[in-house]
mmCIF file of all heavy atoms, coordinates in Angstrom:
data_MODEL
# 
_entry.id   MODEL 
# 
loop_
_atom_site.group_PDB 
_atom_site.id 
_atom_site.type_symbol 
_atom_site.label_atom_id 
_atom_site.label_alt_id 
_atom_site.label_comp_id 
_atom_site.label_asym_id 
_atom_site.label_entity_id 
_atom_site.label_seq_id 
_atom_site.pdbx_PDB_ins_code 
_atom_site.Cartn_x 
_atom_site.Cartn_y 
_atom_site.Cartn_z 
_atom_site.occupancy 
_atom_site.B_iso_or_equiv 
_atom_site.pdbx_formal_charge 
_atom_site.auth_seq_id 
_atom_site.auth_comp_id 
_atom_site.auth_asym_id 
_atom_site.auth_atom_id 
_atom_site.pdbx_PDB_model_num 
ATOM 1   N N   . ILE A 1 1  ? 32.653 -32.899 -73.493 1.00 0.00 ? 1  ILE A N   1 
ATOM 2   C CA  . ILE A 1 1  ? 31.754 -32.696 -74.630 1.00 0.00 ? 1  ILE A CA  1 
ATOM 3   C C   . ILE A 1 1  ? 32.527 -32.893 -75.918 1.00 0.00 ? 1  ILE A C   1 
ATOM 4   O O   . ILE A 1 1  ? 33.672 -32.437 -76.048 1.00 0.00 ? 1  ILE A O   1 
ATOM 5   C CB  . ILE A 1 1  ? 31.126 -31.283 -74.597 1.00 0.00 ? 1  ILE A CB  1 
ATOM 6   C CG1 . ILE A 1 1  ? 30.296 -31.080 -73.327 1.00 0.00 ? 1  ILE A CG1 1 
ATOM 7   C CG2 . ILE A 1 1  ? 30.289 -31.026 -75.833 1.00 0.00 ? 1  ILE A CG2 1 
ATOM 8   C CD1 . ILE A 1 1  ? 31.014 -30.339 -72.239 1.00 0.00 ? 1  ILE A CD1 1 
ATOM 9   N N   . GLU A 1 2  ? 31.884 -33.559 -76.885 1.00 0.00 ? 2  GLU A N   1 
ATOM 10  C CA  . GLU A 1 2  ? 32.526 -33.791 -78.180 1.00 0.00 ? 2  GLU A CA  1 
ATOM 11  C C   . GLU A 1 2  ? 31.457 -33.907 -79.260 1.00 0.00 ? 2  GLU A C   1 
ATOM 12  O O   . GLU A 1 2  ? 30.464 -34.629 -79.087 1.00 0.00 ? 2  GLU A O   1 
ATOM 13  C CB  . GLU A 1 2  ? 33.353 -35.078 -78.125 1.00 0.00 ? 2  GLU A CB  1 
ATOM 14  C CG  . GLU A 1 2  ? 34.069 -35.430 -79.419 1.00 0.00 ? 2  GLU A CG  1 
ATOM 15  C CD  . GLU A 1 2  ? 34.849 -36.729 -79.288 1.00 0.00 ? 2  GLU A CD  1 
ATOM 16  O OE1 . GLU A 1 2  ? 34.255 -37.751 -78.871 1.00 0.00 ? 2  GLU A OE1 1 
ATOM 17  O OE2 . GLU A 1 2  ? 36.056 -36.714 -79.582 1.00 0.00 ? 2  GLU A OE2 1 
ATOM 18  N N   . ASP A 1 3  ? 31.624 -33.155 -80.348 1.00 0.00 ? 3  ASP A N   1 
ATOM 19  C CA  . ASP A 1 3  ? 30.741 -33.251 -81.519 1.00 0.00 ? 3  ASP A CA  1 
ATOM 20  C C   . ASP A 1 3  ? 29.263 -33.159 -81.154 1.00 0.00 ? 3  ASP A C   1 
ATOM 21  O O   . ASP A 1 3  ? 28.440 -33.973 -81.596 1.00 0.00 ? 3  ASP A O   1 
ATOM 22  C CB  . ASP A 1 3  ? 31.003 -34.553 -82.287 1.00 0.00 ? 3  ASP A CB  1 
ATOM 23  C CG  . ASP A 1 3  ? 32.376 -34.557 -82.945 1.00 0.00 ? 3  ASP A CG  1 
ATOM 24  O OD1 . ASP A 1 3  ? 32.873 -33.462 -83.272 1.00 0.00 ? 3  ASP A OD1 1 
ATOM 25  O OD2 . ASP A 1 3  ? 32.946 -35.646 -83.111 1.00 0.00 ? 3  ASP A OD2 1 
ATOM 26  N N   . GLY A 1 4  ? 28.918 -32.189 -80.335 1.00 0.00 ? 4  GLY A N   1 
ATOM 27  C CA  . GLY A 1 4  ? 27.520 -31.942 -80.023 1.00 0.00 ? 4  GLY A CA  1 
ATOM 28  C C   . GLY A 1 4  ? 26.916 -32.874 -78.999 1.00 0.00 ? 4  GLY A C   1 
ATOM 29  O O   . GLY A 1 4  ? 25.685 -32.876 -78.813 1.00 0.00 ? 4  GLY A O   1 
ATOM 30  N N   . LYS A 1 5  ? 27.737 -33.666 -78.330 1.00 0.00 ? 5  LYS A N   1 
ATOM 31  C CA  . LYS A 1 5  ? 27.225 -34.615 -77.331 1.00 0.00 ? 5  LYS A CA  1 
ATOM 32  C C   . LYS A 1 5  ? 28.054 -34.553 -76.053 1.00 0.00 ? 5  LYS A C   1 
ATOM 33  O O   . LYS A 1 5  ? 29.258 -34.267 -76.092 1.00 0.00 ? 5  LYS A O   1 
ATOM 34  C CB  . LYS A 1 5  ? 27.254 -36.055 -77.873 1.00 0.00 ? 5  LYS A CB  1 
ATOM 35  C CG  . LYS A 1 5  ? 26.465 -36.290 -79.136 1.00 0.00 ? 5  LYS A CG  1 
ATOM 36  C CD  . LYS A 1 5  ? 26.433 -37.759 -79.494 1.00 0.00 ? 5  LYS A CD  1 
ATOM 37  C CE  . LYS A 1 5  ? 27.812 -38.322 -79.821 1.00 0.00 ? 5  LYS A CE  1 
ATOM 38  N NZ  . LYS A 1 5  ? 28.382 -37.767 -81.034 1.00 0.00 ? 5  LYS A NZ  1 
ATOM 39  N N   . ILE A 1 6  ? 27.402 -34.855 -74.951 1.00 0.00 ? 6  ILE A N   1 
ATOM 40  C CA  . ILE A 1 6  ? 28.112 -35.049 -73.685 1.00 0.00 ? 6  ILE A CA  1 
ATOM 41  C C   . ILE A 1 6  ? 28.603 -36.494 -73.690 1.00 0.00 ? 6  ILE A C   1 
ATOM 42  O O   . ILE A 1 6  ? 27.810 -37.431 -73.651 1.00 0.00 ? 6  ILE A O   1 
ATOM 43  C CB  . ILE A 1 6  ? 27.192 -34.800 -72.477 1.00 0.00 ? 6  ILE A CB  1 
ATOM 44  C CG1 . ILE A 1 6  ? 26.611 -33.388 -72.525 1.00 0.00 ? 6  ILE A CG1 1 
ATOM 45  C CG2 . ILE A 1 6  ? 27.963 -35.010 -71.169 1.00 0.00 ? 6  ILE A CG2 1 
ATOM 46  C CD1 . ILE A 1 6  ? 25.536 -33.130 -71.482 1.00 0.00 ? 6  ILE A CD1 1 
ATOM 47  N N   . VAL A 1 7  ? 29.908 -36.684 -73.777 1.00 0.00 ? 7  VAL A N   1 
ATOM 48  C CA  . VAL A 1 7  ? 30.442 -38.042 -73.890 1.00 0.00 ? 7  VAL A CA  1 
ATOM 49  C C   . VAL A 1 7  ? 30.810 -38.625 -72.532 1.00 0.00 ? 7  VAL A C   1 
ATOM 50  O O   . VAL A 1 7  ? 31.006 -39.838 -72.415 1.00 0.00 ? 7  VAL A O   1 
ATOM 51  C CB  . VAL A 1 7  ? 31.665 -38.086 -74.830 1.00 0.00 ? 7  VAL A CB  1 
ATOM 52  C CG1 . VAL A 1 7  ? 31.249 -37.718 -76.250 1.00 0.00 ? 7  VAL A CG1 1 
ATOM 53  C CG2 . VAL A 1 7  ? 32.771 -37.152 -74.347 1.00 0.00 ? 7  VAL A CG2 1 
ATOM 54  N N   . TRP A 1 8  ? 30.934 -37.784 -71.521 1.00 0.00 ? 8  TRP A N   1 
ATOM 55  C CA  . TRP A 1 8  ? 31.136 -38.279 -70.151 1.00 0.00 ? 8  TRP A CA  1 
ATOM 56  C C   . TRP A 1 8  ? 30.683 -37.195 -69.190 1.00 0.00 ? 8  TRP A C   1 
ATOM 57  O O   . TRP A 1 8  ? 30.980 -36.014 -69.381 1.00 0.00 ? 8  TRP A O   1 
ATOM 58  C CB  . TRP A 1 8  ? 32.602 -38.609 -69.866 1.00 0.00 ? 8  TRP A CB  1 
ATOM 59  C CG  . TRP A 1 8  ? 32.792 -39.434 -68.617 1.00 0.00 ? 8  TRP A CG  1 
ATOM 60  C CD1 . TRP A 1 8  ? 32.851 -40.796 -68.550 1.00 0.00 ? 8  TRP A CD1 1 
ATOM 61  C CD2 . TRP A 1 8  ? 32.917 -38.957 -67.259 1.00 0.00 ? 8  TRP A CD2 1 
ATOM 62  N NE1 . TRP A 1 8  ? 33.015 -41.212 -67.236 1.00 0.00 ? 8  TRP A NE1 1 
ATOM 63  C CE2 . TRP A 1 8  ? 33.051 -40.093 -66.421 1.00 0.00 ? 8  TRP A CE2 1 
ATOM 64  C CE3 . TRP A 1 8  ? 32.926 -37.710 -66.669 1.00 0.00 ? 8  TRP A CE3 1 
ATOM 65  C CZ2 . TRP A 1 8  ? 33.194 -40.015 -65.043 1.00 0.00 ? 8  TRP A CZ2 1 
ATOM 66  C CZ3 . TRP A 1 8  ? 33.057 -37.611 -65.292 1.00 0.00 ? 8  TRP A CZ3 1 
ATOM 67  C CH2 . TRP A 1 8  ? 33.198 -38.747 -64.489 1.00 0.00 ? 8  TRP A CH2 1 
ATOM 68  N N   . GLU A 1 9  ? 29.954 -37.589 -68.158 1.00 0.00 ? 9  GLU A N   1 
ATOM 69  C CA  . GLU A 1 9  ? 29.573 -36.661 -67.104 1.00 0.00 ? 9  GLU A CA  1 
ATOM 70  C C   . GLU A 1 9  ? 29.372 -37.451 -65.825 1.00 0.00 ? 9  GLU A C   1 
ATOM 71  O O   . GLU A 1 9  ? 28.925 -38.596 -65.837 1.00 0.00 ? 9  GLU A O   1 
ATOM 72  C CB  . GLU A 1 9  ? 28.306 -35.885 -67.464 1.00 0.00 ? 9  GLU A CB  1 
ATOM 73  C CG  . GLU A 1 9  ? 27.084 -36.755 -67.714 1.00 0.00 ? 9  GLU A CG  1 
ATOM 74  C CD  . GLU A 1 9  ? 25.850 -35.938 -68.079 1.00 0.00 ? 9  GLU A CD  1 
ATOM 75  O OE1 . GLU A 1 9  ? 25.832 -34.720 -67.788 1.00 0.00 ? 9  GLU A OE1 1 
ATOM 76  O OE2 . GLU A 1 9  ? 24.899 -36.516 -68.632 1.00 0.00 ? 9  GLU A OE2 1 
ATOM 77  N N   . GLY A 1 10 ? 29.738 -36.827 -64.735 1.00 0.00 ? 10 GLY A N   1 
ATOM 78  C CA  . GLY A 1 10 ? 29.578 -37.514 -63.459 1.00 0.00 ? 10 GLY A CA  1 
ATOM 79  C C   . GLY A 1 10 ? 30.367 -36.825 -62.374 1.00 0.00 ? 10 GLY A C   1 
ATOM 80  O O   . GLY A 1 10 ? 30.770 -35.670 -62.496 1.00 0.00 ? 10 GLY A O   1 
ATOM 81  N N   . GLY A 1 11 ? 30.581 -37.565 -61.302 1.00 0.00 ? 11 GLY A N   1 
ATOM 82  C CA  . GLY A 1 11 ? 31.298 -37.023 -60.169 1.00 0.00 ? 11 GLY A CA  1 
ATOM 83  C C   . GLY A 1 11 ? 32.437 -37.925 -59.750 1.00 0.00 ? 11 GLY A C   1 
ATOM 84  O O   . GLY A 1 11 ? 32.436 -39.137 -60.017 1.00 0.00 ? 11 GLY A O   1 
ATOM 85  N N   . LEU A 1 12 ? 33.412 -37.325 -59.091 1.00 0.00 ? 12 LEU A N   1 
ATOM 86  C CA  . LEU A 1 12 ? 34.526 -38.042 -58.499 1.00 0.00 ? 12 LEU A CA  1 
ATOM 87  C C   . LEU A 1 12 ? 34.624 -37.592 -57.053 1.00 0.00 ? 12 LEU A C   1 
ATOM 88  O O   . LEU A 1 12 ? 34.552 -36.397 -56.760 1.00 0.00 ? 12 LEU A O   1 
ATOM 89  C CB  . LEU A 1 12 ? 35.825 -37.729 -59.243 1.00 0.00 ? 12 LEU A CB  1 
ATOM 90  C CG  . LEU A 1 12 ? 35.829 -38.015 -60.756 1.00 0.00 ? 12 LEU A CG  1 
ATOM 91  C CD1 . LEU A 1 12 ? 37.057 -37.390 -61.404 1.00 0.00 ? 12 LEU A CD1 1 
ATOM 92  C CD2 . LEU A 1 12 ? 35.778 -39.515 -61.027 1.00 0.00 ? 12 LEU A CD2 1 
ATOM 93  N N   . GLY A 1 13 ? 34.783 -38.518 -56.135 1.00 0.00 ? 13 GLY A N   1 
ATOM 94  C CA  . GLY A 1 13 ? 34.889 -38.142 -54.739 1.00 0.00 ? 13 GLY A CA  1 
ATOM 95  C C   . GLY A 1 13 ? 33.546 -37.933 -54.079 1.00 0.00 ? 13 GLY A C   1 
ATOM 96  O O   . GLY A 1 13 ? 32.506 -38.413 -54.547 1.00 0.00 ? 13 GLY A O   1 
ATOM 97  N N   . VAL A 1 14 ? 33.565 -37.180 -52.973 1.00 0.00 ? 14 VAL A N   1 
ATOM 98  C CA  . VAL A 1 14 ? 32.398 -37.053 -52.111 1.00 0.00 ? 14 VAL A CA  1 
ATOM 99  C C   . VAL A 1 14 ? 32.003 -35.586 -51.934 1.00 0.00 ? 14 VAL A C   1 
ATOM 100 O O   . VAL A 1 14 ? 32.789 -34.671 -52.161 1.00 0.00 ? 14 VAL A O   1 
ATOM 101 C CB  . VAL A 1 14 ? 32.670 -37.682 -50.726 1.00 0.00 ? 14 VAL A CB  1 
ATOM 102 C CG1 . VAL A 1 14 ? 32.825 -39.188 -50.858 1.00 0.00 ? 14 VAL A CG1 1 
ATOM 103 C CG2 . VAL A 1 14 ? 33.925 -37.073 -50.087 1.00 0.00 ? 14 VAL A CG2 1 
ATOM 104 N N   . THR A 1 15 ? 30.766 -35.391 -51.495 1.00 0.00 ? 15 THR A N   1 
ATOM 105 C CA  . THR A 1 15 ? 30.250 -34.030 -51.318 1.00 0.00 ? 15 THR A CA  1 
ATOM 106 C C   . THR A 1 15 ? 30.816 -33.365 -50.076 1.00 0.00 ? 15 THR A C   1 
ATOM 107 O O   . THR A 1 15 ? 30.828 -32.144 -49.979 1.00 0.00 ? 15 THR A O   1 
ATOM 108 C CB  . THR A 1 15 ? 28.720 -34.036 -51.220 1.00 0.00 ? 15 THR A CB  1 
ATOM 109 O OG1 . THR A 1 15 ? 28.313 -34.822 -50.086 1.00 0.00 ? 15 THR A OG1 1 
ATOM 110 C CG2 . THR A 1 15 ? 28.096 -34.624 -52.486 1.00 0.00 ? 15 THR A CG2 1 
ATOM 111 N N   . SER A 1 16 ? 31.297 -34.153 -49.119 1.00 0.00 ? 16 SER A N   1 
ATOM 112 C CA  . SER A 1 16 ? 31.822 -33.593 -47.879 1.00 0.00 ? 16 SER A CA  1 
ATOM 113 C C   . SER A 1 16 ? 32.962 -34.467 -47.379 1.00 0.00 ? 16 SER A C   1 
ATOM 114 O O   . SER A 1 16 ? 32.839 -35.703 -47.352 1.00 0.00 ? 16 SER A O   1 
ATOM 115 C CB  . SER A 1 16 ? 30.723 -33.513 -46.821 1.00 0.00 ? 16 SER A CB  1 
ATOM 116 O OG  . SER A 1 16 ? 31.205 -32.962 -45.620 1.00 0.00 ? 16 SER A OG  1 
ATOM 117 N N   . ARG A 1 17 ? 34.049 -33.839 -47.003 1.00 0.00 ? 17 ARG A N   1 
ATOM 118 C CA  . ARG A 1 17 ? 35.219 -34.586 -46.522 1.00 0.00 ? 17 ARG A CA  1 
ATOM 119 C C   . ARG A 1 17 ? 34.827 -35.458 -45.332 1.00 0.00 ? 17 ARG A C   1 
ATOM 120 O O   . ARG A 1 17 ? 34.219 -34.995 -44.369 1.00 0.00 ? 17 ARG A O   1 
ATOM 121 C CB  . ARG A 1 17 ? 36.336 -33.628 -46.117 1.00 0.00 ? 17 ARG A CB  1 
ATOM 122 C CG  . ARG A 1 17 ? 37.648 -34.323 -45.777 1.00 0.00 ? 17 ARG A CG  1 
ATOM 123 C CD  . ARG A 1 17 ? 38.775 -33.300 -45.583 1.00 0.00 ? 17 ARG A CD  1 
ATOM 124 N NE  . ARG A 1 17 ? 40.053 -33.928 -45.312 1.00 0.00 ? 17 ARG A NE  1 
ATOM 125 C CZ  . ARG A 1 17 ? 40.882 -34.374 -46.233 1.00 0.00 ? 17 ARG A CZ  1 
ATOM 126 N NH1 . ARG A 1 17 ? 40.560 -34.245 -47.514 1.00 0.00 ? 17 ARG A NH1 1 
ATOM 127 N NH2 . ARG A 1 17 ? 42.030 -34.936 -45.926 1.00 0.00 ? 17 ARG A NH2 1 
ATOM 128 N N   . GLY A 1 18 ? 35.159 -36.729 -45.411 1.00 0.00 ? 18 GLY A N   1 
ATOM 129 C CA  . GLY A 1 18 ? 34.810 -37.664 -44.356 1.00 0.00 ? 18 GLY A CA  1 
ATOM 130 C C   . GLY A 1 18 ? 33.432 -38.254 -44.504 1.00 0.00 ? 18 GLY A C   1 
ATOM 131 O O   . GLY A 1 18 ? 33.058 -39.169 -43.758 1.00 0.00 ? 18 GLY A O   1 
ATOM 132 N N   . GLY A 1 19 ? 32.653 -37.753 -45.478 1.00 0.00 ? 19 GLY A N   1 
ATOM 133 C CA  . GLY A 1 19 ? 31.305 -38.264 -45.690 1.00 0.00 ? 19 GLY A CA  1 
ATOM 134 C C   . GLY A 1 19 ? 31.282 -39.397 -46.692 1.00 0.00 ? 19 GLY A C   1 
ATOM 135 O O   . GLY A 1 19 ? 32.308 -39.806 -47.241 1.00 0.00 ? 19 GLY A O   1 
ATOM 136 N N   . THR A 1 20 ? 30.080 -39.900 -46.946 1.00 0.00 ? 20 THR A N   1 
ATOM 137 C CA  . THR A 1 20 ? 29.922 -41.036 -47.861 1.00 0.00 ? 20 THR A CA  1 
ATOM 138 C C   . THR A 1 20 ? 29.099 -40.697 -49.097 1.00 0.00 ? 20 THR A C   1 
ATOM 139 O O   . THR A 1 20 ? 29.033 -41.497 -50.022 1.00 0.00 ? 20 THR A O   1 
ATOM 140 C CB  . THR A 1 20 ? 29.265 -42.219 -47.136 1.00 0.00 ? 20 THR A CB  1 
ATOM 141 O OG1 . THR A 1 20 ? 27.994 -41.798 -46.607 1.00 0.00 ? 20 THR A OG1 1 
ATOM 142 C CG2 . THR A 1 20 ? 30.145 -42.722 -46.006 1.00 0.00 ? 20 THR A CG2 1 
ATOM 143 N N   . ASP A 1 21 ? 28.447 -39.519 -49.118 1.00 0.00 ? 21 ASP A N   1 
ATOM 144 C CA  . ASP A 1 21 ? 27.624 -39.152 -50.266 1.00 0.00 ? 21 ASP A CA  1 
ATOM 145 C C   . ASP A 1 21 ? 28.521 -38.813 -51.454 1.00 0.00 ? 21 ASP A C   1 
ATOM 146 O O   . ASP A 1 21 ? 29.379 -37.934 -51.381 1.00 0.00 ? 21 ASP A O   1 
ATOM 147 C CB  . ASP A 1 21 ? 26.737 -37.949 -49.937 1.00 0.00 ? 21 ASP A CB  1 
ATOM 148 C CG  . ASP A 1 21 ? 25.665 -38.281 -48.916 1.00 0.00 ? 21 ASP A CG  1 
ATOM 149 O OD1 . ASP A 1 21 ? 25.347 -39.478 -48.763 1.00 0.00 ? 21 ASP A OD1 1 
ATOM 150 O OD2 . ASP A 1 21 ? 25.151 -37.342 -48.269 1.00 0.00 ? 21 ASP A OD2 1 
ATOM 151 N N   . LYS A 1 22 ? 28.302 -39.534 -52.549 1.00 0.00 ? 22 LYS A N   1 
ATOM 152 C CA  . LYS A 1 22 ? 29.143 -39.368 -53.729 1.00 0.00 ? 22 LYS A CA  1 
ATOM 153 C C   . LYS A 1 22 ? 28.687 -38.167 -54.563 1.00 0.00 ? 22 LYS A C   1 
ATOM 154 O O   . LYS A 1 22 ? 27.499 -37.865 -54.655 1.00 0.00 ? 22 LYS A O   1 
ATOM 155 C CB  . LYS A 1 22 ? 29.088 -40.629 -54.594 1.00 0.00 ? 22 LYS A CB  1 
ATOM 156 C CG  . LYS A 1 22 ? 29.505 -41.904 -53.878 1.00 0.00 ? 22 LYS A CG  1 
ATOM 157 C CD  . LYS A 1 22 ? 31.006 -41.920 -53.611 1.00 0.00 ? 22 LYS A CD  1 
ATOM 158 C CE  . LYS A 1 22 ? 31.437 -43.271 -53.038 1.00 0.00 ? 22 LYS A CE  1 
ATOM 159 N NZ  . LYS A 1 22 ? 32.893 -43.307 -52.751 1.00 0.00 ? 22 LYS A NZ  1 
ATOM 160 N N   . VAL A 1 23 ? 29.654 -37.505 -55.177 1.00 0.00 ? 23 VAL A N   1 
ATOM 161 C CA  . VAL A 1 23 ? 29.336 -36.482 -56.171 1.00 0.00 ? 23 VAL A CA  1 
ATOM 162 C C   . VAL A 1 23 ? 28.865 -37.173 -57.442 1.00 0.00 ? 23 VAL A C   1 
ATOM 163 O O   . VAL A 1 23 ? 29.440 -38.183 -57.855 1.00 0.00 ? 23 VAL A O   1 
ATOM 164 C CB  . VAL A 1 23 ? 30.568 -35.606 -56.471 1.00 0.00 ? 23 VAL A CB  1 
ATOM 165 C CG1 . VAL A 1 23 ? 30.273 -34.614 -57.598 1.00 0.00 ? 23 VAL A CG1 1 
ATOM 166 C CG2 . VAL A 1 23 ? 31.025 -34.869 -55.226 1.00 0.00 ? 23 VAL A CG2 1 
ATOM 167 N N   . ASP A 1 24 ? 27.807 -36.653 -58.068 1.00 0.00 ? 24 ASP A N   1 
ATOM 168 C CA  . ASP A 1 24 ? 27.362 -37.181 -59.352 1.00 0.00 ? 24 ASP A CA  1 
ATOM 169 C C   . ASP A 1 24 ? 27.126 -36.021 -60.317 1.00 0.00 ? 24 ASP A C   1 
ATOM 170 O O   . ASP A 1 24 ? 27.412 -34.867 -59.998 1.00 0.00 ? 24 ASP A O   1 
ATOM 171 C CB  . ASP A 1 24 ? 26.121 -38.065 -59.203 1.00 0.00 ? 24 ASP A CB  1 
ATOM 172 C CG  . ASP A 1 24 ? 24.920 -37.326 -58.609 1.00 0.00 ? 24 ASP A CG  1 
ATOM 173 O OD1 . ASP A 1 24 ? 24.784 -36.106 -58.855 1.00 0.00 ? 24 ASP A OD1 1 
ATOM 174 O OD2 . ASP A 1 24 ? 24.116 -37.955 -57.904 1.00 0.00 ? 24 ASP A OD2 1 
ATOM 175 N N   . LYS A 1 25 ? 26.590 -36.306 -61.476 1.00 0.00 ? 25 LYS A N   1 
ATOM 176 C CA  . LYS A 1 25 ? 26.436 -35.281 -62.507 1.00 0.00 ? 25 LYS A CA  1 
ATOM 177 C C   . LYS A 1 25 ? 25.468 -34.184 -62.102 1.00 0.00 ? 25 LYS A C   1 
ATOM 178 O O   . LYS A 1 25 ? 25.503 -33.078 -62.670 1.00 0.00 ? 25 LYS A O   1 
ATOM 179 C CB  . LYS A 1 25 ? 25.973 -35.911 -63.822 1.00 0.00 ? 25 LYS A CB  1 
ATOM 180 C CG  . LYS A 1 25 ? 24.568 -36.478 -63.814 1.00 0.00 ? 25 LYS A CG  1 
ATOM 181 C CD  . LYS A 1 25 ? 24.219 -37.089 -65.152 1.00 0.00 ? 25 LYS A CD  1 
ATOM 182 C CE  . LYS A 1 25 ? 22.796 -37.663 -65.161 1.00 0.00 ? 25 LYS A CE  1 
ATOM 183 N NZ  . LYS A 1 25 ? 21.789 -36.584 -65.033 1.00 0.00 ? 25 LYS A NZ  1 
ATOM 184 N N   . ASP A 1 26 ? 24.611 -34.452 -61.124 1.00 0.00 ? 26 ASP A N   1 
ATOM 185 C CA  . ASP A 1 26 ? 23.604 -33.476 -60.703 1.00 0.00 ? 26 ASP A CA  1 
ATOM 186 C C   . ASP A 1 26 ? 23.942 -32.780 -59.391 1.00 0.00 ? 26 ASP A C   1 
ATOM 187 O O   . ASP A 1 26 ? 23.156 -31.957 -58.911 1.00 0.00 ? 26 ASP A O   1 
ATOM 188 C CB  . ASP A 1 26 ? 22.243 -34.165 -60.578 1.00 0.00 ? 26 ASP A CB  1 
ATOM 189 C CG  . ASP A 1 26 ? 21.731 -34.679 -61.915 1.00 0.00 ? 26 ASP A CG  1 
ATOM 190 O OD1 . ASP A 1 26 ? 21.877 -33.943 -62.910 1.00 0.00 ? 26 ASP A OD1 1 
ATOM 191 O OD2 . ASP A 1 26 ? 21.217 -35.810 -61.970 1.00 0.00 ? 26 ASP A OD2 1 
ATOM 192 N N   . THR A 1 27 ? 25.069 -33.106 -58.784 1.00 0.00 ? 27 THR A N   1 
ATOM 193 C CA  . THR A 1 27 ? 25.470 -32.447 -57.544 1.00 0.00 ? 27 THR A CA  1 
ATOM 194 C C   . THR A 1 27 ? 25.698 -30.963 -57.802 1.00 0.00 ? 27 THR A C   1 
ATOM 195 O O   . THR A 1 27 ? 26.371 -30.582 -58.763 1.00 0.00 ? 27 THR A O   1 
ATOM 196 C CB  . THR A 1 27 ? 26.755 -33.074 -56.987 1.00 0.00 ? 27 THR A CB  1 
ATOM 197 O OG1 . THR A 1 27 ? 26.536 -34.471 -56.737 1.00 0.00 ? 27 THR A OG1 1 
ATOM 198 C CG2 . THR A 1 27 ? 27.184 -32.390 -55.702 1.00 0.00 ? 27 THR A CG2 1 
ATOM 199 N N   . GLU A 1 28 ? 25.140 -30.123 -56.940 1.00 0.00 ? 28 GLU A N   1 
ATOM 200 C CA  . GLU A 1 28 ? 25.240 -28.681 -57.145 1.00 0.00 ? 28 GLU A CA  1 
ATOM 201 C C   . GLU A 1 28 ? 26.448 -28.086 -56.424 1.00 0.00 ? 28 GLU A C   1 
ATOM 202 O O   . GLU A 1 28 ? 26.706 -28.385 -55.261 1.00 0.00 ? 28 GLU A O   1 
ATOM 203 C CB  . GLU A 1 28 ? 23.950 -27.996 -56.704 1.00 0.00 ? 28 GLU A CB  1 
ATOM 204 C CG  . GLU A 1 28 ? 22.763 -28.405 -57.553 1.00 0.00 ? 28 GLU A CG  1 
ATOM 205 C CD  . GLU A 1 28 ? 21.572 -27.489 -57.388 1.00 0.00 ? 28 GLU A CD  1 
ATOM 206 O OE1 . GLU A 1 28 ? 21.751 -26.257 -57.431 1.00 0.00 ? 28 GLU A OE1 1 
ATOM 207 O OE2 . GLU A 1 28 ? 20.459 -28.000 -57.195 1.00 0.00 ? 28 GLU A OE2 1 
# 
């Protein structure tokens, strides 16, 4: 976050080790 804005958001890696589902900004 910078100056009142989200300047980057997302995911890195996967939701489960060995899986293929990517983490994203909405992953809980």
